[in-house]
Amino acid sequence: MSIYKFRAECLSDVSNARKSFCNNQYELTLEIESPFPDVVVEIKTQMSFEQIYEALASVINGHVMVETLAIKKEYTGKRRKRDRRIN
Protein backbone atom coordinates (compact mmCIF):
# COMPACT_ATOMS: atom_id res chain seq x y z
CA MET A 1 0.00 0.00 0.00
CA SER A 2 1.10 3.54 -0.71
CA ILE A 3 0.55 6.60 1.45
CA TYR A 4 -0.33 9.99 -0.03
CA LYS A 5 -1.25 13.34 1.51
CA PHE A 6 -3.24 16.33 0.35
CA ARG A 7 -4.90 19.40 1.79
CA ALA A 8 -8.56 20.29 1.39
CA GLU A 9 -10.21 23.67 1.89
CA CYS A 10 -12.87 22.14 4.12
CA LEU A 11 -14.26 18.86 5.42
CA SER A 12 -17.06 18.80 2.83
CA ASP A 13 -14.42 18.65 0.05
CA VAL A 14 -13.00 15.52 1.70
CA SER A 15 -16.48 14.04 1.96
CA ASN A 16 -17.06 14.64 -1.75
CA ALA A 17 -13.67 13.16 -2.60
CA ARG A 18 -14.50 9.99 -0.67
CA LYS A 19 -17.52 9.47 -2.95
CA SER A 20 -15.14 9.58 -5.93
CA PHE A 21 -12.94 6.81 -4.53
CA CYS A 22 -15.77 4.35 -5.38
CA ASN A 23 -15.15 0.80 -4.27
CA ASN A 24 -11.41 1.16 -3.74
CA GLN A 25 -10.11 0.24 -0.32
CA TYR A 26 -8.42 3.01 1.58
CA GLU A 27 -7.75 4.33 5.05
CA LEU A 28 -8.03 8.06 5.75
CA THR A 29 -6.51 10.09 8.56
CA LEU A 30 -7.73 13.67 8.93
CA GLU A 31 -6.02 16.57 10.65
CA ILE A 32 -7.99 19.81 10.96
CA GLU A 33 -5.80 22.93 10.89
CA SER A 34 -7.50 25.13 13.47
CA PRO A 35 -8.55 27.97 13.40
CA PHE A 36 -8.86 27.50 9.65
CA PRO A 37 -11.31 25.13 7.96
CA ASP A 38 -8.42 23.43 6.10
CA VAL A 39 -8.05 19.67 6.48
CA VAL A 40 -4.85 17.70 5.88
CA VAL A 41 -5.66 14.22 4.64
CA GLU A 42 -3.45 11.16 4.66
CA ILE A 43 -4.68 8.28 2.52
CA LYS A 44 -3.26 4.76 2.65
CA THR A 45 -4.38 2.81 -0.40
CA GLN A 46 -3.63 0.49 -3.30
CA MET A 47 -4.85 3.22 -5.69
CA SER A 48 -2.21 4.80 -7.88
CA PHE A 49 -1.34 8.48 -7.78
CA GLU A 50 -3.20 8.87 -11.07
CA GLN A 51 -6.36 7.24 -9.71
CA ILE A 52 -6.37 9.50 -6.66
CA TYR A 53 -5.63 12.51 -8.84
CA GLU A 54 -8.57 11.72 -11.13
CA ALA A 55 -10.91 11.21 -8.16
CA LEU A 56 -9.89 14.53 -6.61
CA ALA A 57 -10.08 16.33 -9.95
CA SER A 58 -13.68 15.18 -10.35
CA VAL A 59 -14.71 17.06 -7.19
CA ILE A 60 -16.23 20.45 -7.95
CA ASN A 61 -13.94 23.11 -6.49
CA GLY A 62 -11.43 20.39 -5.52
CA HIS A 63 -8.46 22.30 -6.92
CA VAL A 64 -6.64 22.62 -3.58
CA MET A 65 -6.72 18.85 -3.11
CA VAL A 66 -5.36 18.28 -6.61
CA GLU A 67 -2.69 20.97 -6.29
CA THR A 68 -1.38 19.63 -2.96
CA LEU A 69 -1.57 15.88 -3.66
CA ALA A 70 1.81 14.20 -3.09
CA ILE A 71 3.44 11.02 -1.88
CA LYS A 72 3.58 11.35 1.92
CA LYS A 73 7.37 11.80 2.10
CA GLU A 74 7.19 14.58 -0.51
CA TYR A 75 4.14 16.38 0.93
CA THR A 76 4.62 20.07 1.77
CA GLY A 77 1.02 21.33 1.75
CA LYS A 78 1.99 23.98 -0.77
CA ARG A 79 -0.13 24.31 -3.87
CA ARG A 80 1.42 23.41 -7.23
CA LYS A 81 -0.31 24.02 -10.52
CA ARG A 82 -1.01 20.85 -12.45
CA ASP A 83 -1.03 20.46 -16.21
CA ARG A 84 -4.59 19.21 -16.44
CA ARG A 85 -7.87 21.03 -16.43
CA ILE A 86 -9.50 20.93 -13.01
CA ASN A 87 -13.20 21.47 -12.18
C-alpha atoms as a PDB file:
ATOM      1  CA  MET A   1       0.000   0.000   0.000  1.00  0.00           C
ATOM      2  CA  SER A   2       1.098   3.541  -0.711  1.00  0.00           C
ATOM      3  CA  ILE A   3       0.546   6.602   1.446  1.00  0.00           C
ATOM      4  CA  TYR A   4      -0.329   9.991  -0.031  1.00  0.00           C
ATOM      5  CA  LYS A   5      -1.252  13.341   1.511  1.00  0.00           C
ATOM      6  CA  PHE A   6      -3.238  16.333   0.351  1.00  0.00           C
ATOM      7  CA  ARG A   7      -4.897  19.404   1.785  1.00  0.00           C
ATOM      8  CA  ALA A   8      -8.560  20.291   1.391  1.00  0.00           C
ATOM      9  CA  GLU A   9     -10.214  23.667   1.888  1.00  0.00           C
ATOM     10  CA  CYS A  10     -12.873  22.144   4.125  1.00  0.00           C
ATOM     11  CA  LEU A  11     -14.258  18.864   5.422  1.00  0.00           C
ATOM     12  CA  SER A  12     -17.058  18.795   2.830  1.00  0.00           C
ATOM     13  CA  ASP A  13     -14.420  18.648   0.054  1.00  0.00           C
ATOM     14  CA  VAL A  14     -13.004  15.521   1.704  1.00  0.00           C
ATOM     15  CA  SER A  15     -16.484  14.035   1.962  1.00  0.00           C
ATOM     16  CA  ASN A  16     -17.063  14.643  -1.754  1.00  0.00           C
ATOM     17  CA  ALA A  17     -13.670  13.158  -2.598  1.00  0.00           C
ATOM     18  CA  ARG A  18     -14.504   9.985  -0.674  1.00  0.00           C
ATOM     19  CA  LYS A  19     -17.523   9.471  -2.949  1.00  0.00           C
ATOM     20  CA  SER A  20     -15.144   9.581  -5.926  1.00  0.00           C
ATOM     21  CA  PHE A  21     -12.938   6.807  -4.533  1.00  0.00           C
ATOM     22  CA  CYS A  22     -15.766   4.355  -5.384  1.00  0.00           C
ATOM     23  CA  ASN A  23     -15.149   0.798  -4.272  1.00  0.00           C
ATOM     24  CA  ASN A  24     -11.412   1.165  -3.743  1.00  0.00           C
ATOM     25  CA  GLN A  25     -10.114   0.237  -0.321  1.00  0.00           C
ATOM     26  CA  TYR A  26      -8.418   3.009   1.577  1.00  0.00           C
ATOM     27  CA  GLU A  27      -7.752   4.333   5.049  1.00  0.00           C
ATOM     28  CA  LEU A  28      -8.027   8.063   5.755  1.00  0.00           C
ATOM     29  CA  THR A  29      -6.507  10.090   8.559  1.00  0.00           C
ATOM     30  CA  LEU A  30      -7.732  13.668   8.929  1.00  0.00           C
ATOM     31  CA  GLU A  31      -6.025  16.574  10.653  1.00  0.00           C
ATOM     32  CA  ILE A  32      -7.990  19.809  10.962  1.00  0.00           C
ATOM     33  CA  GLU A  33      -5.798  22.930  10.894  1.00  0.00           C
ATOM     34  CA  SER A  34      -7.502  25.131  13.473  1.00  0.00           C
ATOM     35  CA  PRO A  35      -8.548  27.966  13.401  1.00  0.00           C
ATOM     36  CA  PHE A  36      -8.857  27.496   9.646  1.00  0.00           C
ATOM     37  CA  PRO A  37     -11.307  25.132   7.965  1.00  0.00           C
ATOM     38  CA  ASP A  38      -8.422  23.431   6.101  1.00  0.00           C
ATOM     39  CA  VAL A  39      -8.055  19.675   6.479  1.00  0.00           C
ATOM     40  CA  VAL A  40      -4.852  17.703   5.883  1.00  0.00           C
ATOM     41  CA  VAL A  41      -5.660  14.223   4.640  1.00  0.00           C
ATOM     42  CA  GLU A  42      -3.449  11.160   4.660  1.00  0.00           C
ATOM     43  CA  ILE A  43      -4.677   8.276   2.522  1.00  0.00           C
ATOM     44  CA  LYS A  44      -3.264   4.762   2.654  1.00  0.00           C
ATOM     45  CA  THR A  45      -4.381   2.814  -0.404  1.00  0.00           C
ATOM     46  CA  GLN A  46      -3.630   0.495  -3.300  1.00  0.00           C
ATOM     47  CA  MET A  47      -4.848   3.217  -5.687  1.00  0.00           C
ATOM     48  CA  SER A  48      -2.206   4.801  -7.880  1.00  0.00           C
ATOM     49  CA  PHE A  49      -1.336   8.482  -7.780  1.00  0.00           C
ATOM     50  CA  GLU A  50      -3.196   8.868 -11.073  1.00  0.00           C
ATOM     51  CA  GLN A  51      -6.362   7.237  -9.711  1.00  0.00           C
ATOM     52  CA  ILE A  52      -6.374   9.496  -6.661  1.00  0.00           C
ATOM     53  CA  TYR A  53      -5.630  12.512  -8.838  1.00  0.00           C
ATOM     54  CA  GLU A  54      -8.572  11.717 -11.134  1.00  0.00           C
ATOM     55  CA  ALA A  55     -10.911  11.212  -8.164  1.00  0.00           C
ATOM     56  CA  LEU A  56      -9.888  14.529  -6.613  1.00  0.00           C
ATOM     57  CA  ALA A  57     -10.076  16.332  -9.955  1.00  0.00           C
ATOM     58  CA  SER A  58     -13.678  15.183 -10.348  1.00  0.00           C
ATOM     59  CA  VAL A  59     -14.707  17.065  -7.192  1.00  0.00           C
ATOM     60  CA  ILE A  60     -16.232  20.445  -7.946  1.00  0.00           C
ATOM     61  CA  ASN A  61     -13.944  23.113  -6.491  1.00  0.00           C
ATOM     62  CA  GLY A  62     -11.431  20.394  -5.521  1.00  0.00           C
ATOM     63  CA  HIS A  63      -8.464  22.300  -6.924  1.00  0.00           C
ATOM     64  CA  VAL A  64      -6.638  22.621  -3.585  1.00  0.00           C
ATOM     65  CA  MET A  65      -6.724  18.848  -3.109  1.00  0.00           C
ATOM     66  CA  VAL A  66      -5.361  18.279  -6.608  1.00  0.00           C
ATOM     67  CA  GLU A  67      -2.692  20.969  -6.285  1.00  0.00           C
ATOM     68  CA  THR A  68      -1.380  19.630  -2.957  1.00  0.00           C
ATOM     69  CA  LEU A  69      -1.569  15.875  -3.658  1.00  0.00           C
ATOM     70  CA  ALA A  70       1.806  14.201  -3.093  1.00  0.00           C
ATOM     71  CA  ILE A  71       3.436  11.021  -1.885  1.00  0.00           C
ATOM     72  CA  LYS A  72       3.580  11.349   1.918  1.00  0.00           C
ATOM     73  CA  LYS A  73       7.369  11.798   2.102  1.00  0.00           C
ATOM     74  CA  GLU A  74       7.188  14.583  -0.507  1.00  0.00           C
ATOM     75  CA  TYR A  75       4.139  16.380   0.931  1.00  0.00           C
ATOM     76  CA  THR A  76       4.617  20.068   1.769  1.00  0.00           C
ATOM     77  CA  GLY A  77       1.023  21.331   1.753  1.00  0.00           C
ATOM     78  CA  LYS A  78       1.994  23.982  -0.773  1.00  0.00           C
ATOM     79  CA  ARG A  79      -0.128  24.314  -3.871  1.00  0.00           C
ATOM     80  CA  ARG A  80       1.425  23.407  -7.230  1.00  0.00           C
ATOM     81  CA  LYS A  81      -0.308  24.021 -10.516  1.00  0.00           C
ATOM     82  CA  ARG A  82      -1.006  20.850 -12.445  1.00  0.00           C
ATOM     83  CA  ASP A  83      -1.029  20.459 -16.214  1.00  0.00           C
ATOM     84  CA  ARG A  84      -4.589  19.213 -16.438  1.00  0.00           C
ATOM     85  CA  ARG A  85      -7.871  21.026 -16.430  1.00  0.00           C
ATOM     86  CA  ILE A  86      -9.501  20.931 -13.007  1.00  0.00           C
ATOM     87  CA  ASN A  87     -13.200  21.471 -12.183  1.00  0.00           C
END
